[in-house]
Amino acid sequence: RGEPNDEAIAVLARAGFLGLTLPTRYGGQGRDYTALAAVCEELGAIDTSHQV
């Protein structure tokens, strides 16, 4: 239906995707926005409700 479900969000969180661009000192991965764009593109290919 175009809405992310709680289970999918939990999986993304455990994989570290929700903190992709947060600095590592705050528990994120410290990646740049190019990495975020690549992740969003791949997630969007599966289901557009998971894109940012």
C-alpha atoms as a PDB file:
ATOM      1  CA  ARG A   1       0.000   0.000   0.000  1.00  0.00           C
ATOM      2  CA  GLY A   2       2.983   2.302  -0.082  1.00  0.00           C
ATOM      3  CA  GLU A   3       3.415   2.450   3.693  1.00  0.00           C
ATOM      4  CA  PRO A   4       6.433   0.940   5.460  1.00  0.00           C
ATOM      5  CA  ASN A   5       5.634  -1.608   8.125  1.00  0.00           C
ATOM      6  CA  ASP A   6       7.170  -1.800  11.588  1.00  0.00           C
ATOM      7  CA  GLU A   7       9.021  -5.030  10.839  1.00  0.00           C
ATOM      8  CA  ALA A   8      10.731  -3.563   7.784  1.00  0.00           C
ATOM      9  CA  ILE A   9      11.762  -0.468   9.744  1.00  0.00           C
ATOM     10  CA  ALA A  10      13.167  -2.663  12.524  1.00  0.00           C
ATOM     11  CA  VAL A  11      15.232  -4.630   9.986  1.00  0.00           C
ATOM     12  CA  LEU A  12      16.587  -1.403   8.475  1.00  0.00           C
ATOM     13  CA  ALA A  13      17.439  -0.099  11.951  1.00  0.00           C
ATOM     14  CA  ARG A  14      19.287  -3.293  12.943  1.00  0.00           C
ATOM     15  CA  ALA A  15      21.252  -3.121   9.696  1.00  0.00           C
ATOM     16  CA  GLY A  16      22.294   0.458  10.512  1.00  0.00           C
ATOM     17  CA  PHE A  17      20.542   2.082   7.571  1.00  0.00           C
ATOM     18  CA  LEU A  18      18.538   4.539   9.680  1.00  0.00           C
ATOM     19  CA  GLY A  19      21.727   6.080  11.078  1.00  0.00           C
ATOM     20  CA  LEU A  20      23.705   5.959   7.857  1.00  0.00           C
ATOM     21  CA  THR A  21      24.735   9.634   7.821  1.00  0.00           C
ATOM     22  CA  LEU A  22      24.911  10.161  11.585  1.00  0.00           C
ATOM     23  CA  PRO A  23      28.436  10.570  12.973  1.00  0.00           C
ATOM     24  CA  THR A  24      29.887   7.434  14.533  1.00  0.00           C
ATOM     25  CA  ARG A  25      30.203   9.210  17.900  1.00  0.00           C
ATOM     26  CA  TYR A  26      26.389   9.266  18.003  1.00  0.00           C
ATOM     27  CA  GLY A  27      25.999   5.625  16.992  1.00  0.00           C
ATOM     28  CA  GLY A  28      25.668   6.186  13.263  1.00  0.00           C
ATOM     29  CA  GLN A  29      27.810   4.929  10.420  1.00  0.00           C
ATOM     30  CA  GLY A  30      29.294   8.290   9.458  1.00  0.00           C
ATOM     31  CA  ARG A  31      28.637   7.797   5.743  1.00  0.00           C
ATOM     32  CA  ASP A  32      28.190  10.591   3.238  1.00  0.00           C
ATOM     33  CA  TYR A  33      25.062  11.527   1.311  1.00  0.00           C
ATOM     34  CA  THR A  34      26.293   9.657  -1.763  1.00  0.00           C
ATOM     35  CA  ALA A  35      26.062   6.440   0.257  1.00  0.00           C
ATOM     36  CA  LEU A  36      22.602   7.452   1.469  1.00  0.00           C
ATOM     37  CA  ALA A  37      21.489   8.092  -2.114  1.00  0.00           C
ATOM     38  CA  ALA A  38      22.746   4.660  -3.181  1.00  0.00           C
ATOM     39  CA  VAL A  39      20.843   2.972  -0.345  1.00  0.00           C
ATOM     40  CA  CYS A  40      17.674   4.928  -1.144  1.00  0.00           C
ATOM     41  CA  GLU A  41      17.950   3.993  -4.807  1.00  0.00           C
ATOM     42  CA  GLU A  42      18.271   0.291  -3.995  1.00  0.00           C
ATOM     43  CA  LEU A  43      15.434   0.363  -1.471  1.00  0.00           C
ATOM     44  CA  GLY A  44      13.267   2.244  -3.952  1.00  0.00           C
ATOM     45  CA  ALA A  45      13.825  -0.469  -6.531  1.00  0.00           C
ATOM     46  CA  ILE A  46      12.217  -2.907  -4.093  1.00  0.00           C
ATOM     47  CA  ASP A  47       9.486  -0.749  -2.555  1.00  0.00           C
ATOM     48  CA  THR A  48       9.106   3.014  -2.850  1.00  0.00           C
ATOM     49  CA  SER A  49       7.609   3.295   0.635  1.00  0.00           C
ATOM     50  CA  HIS A  50      11.091   2.753   2.096  1.00  0.00           C
ATOM     51  CA  GLN A  51      12.754   5.624   0.275  1.00  0.00           C
ATOM     52  CA  VAL A  52      13.656   8.823   2.053  1.00  0.00           C
END
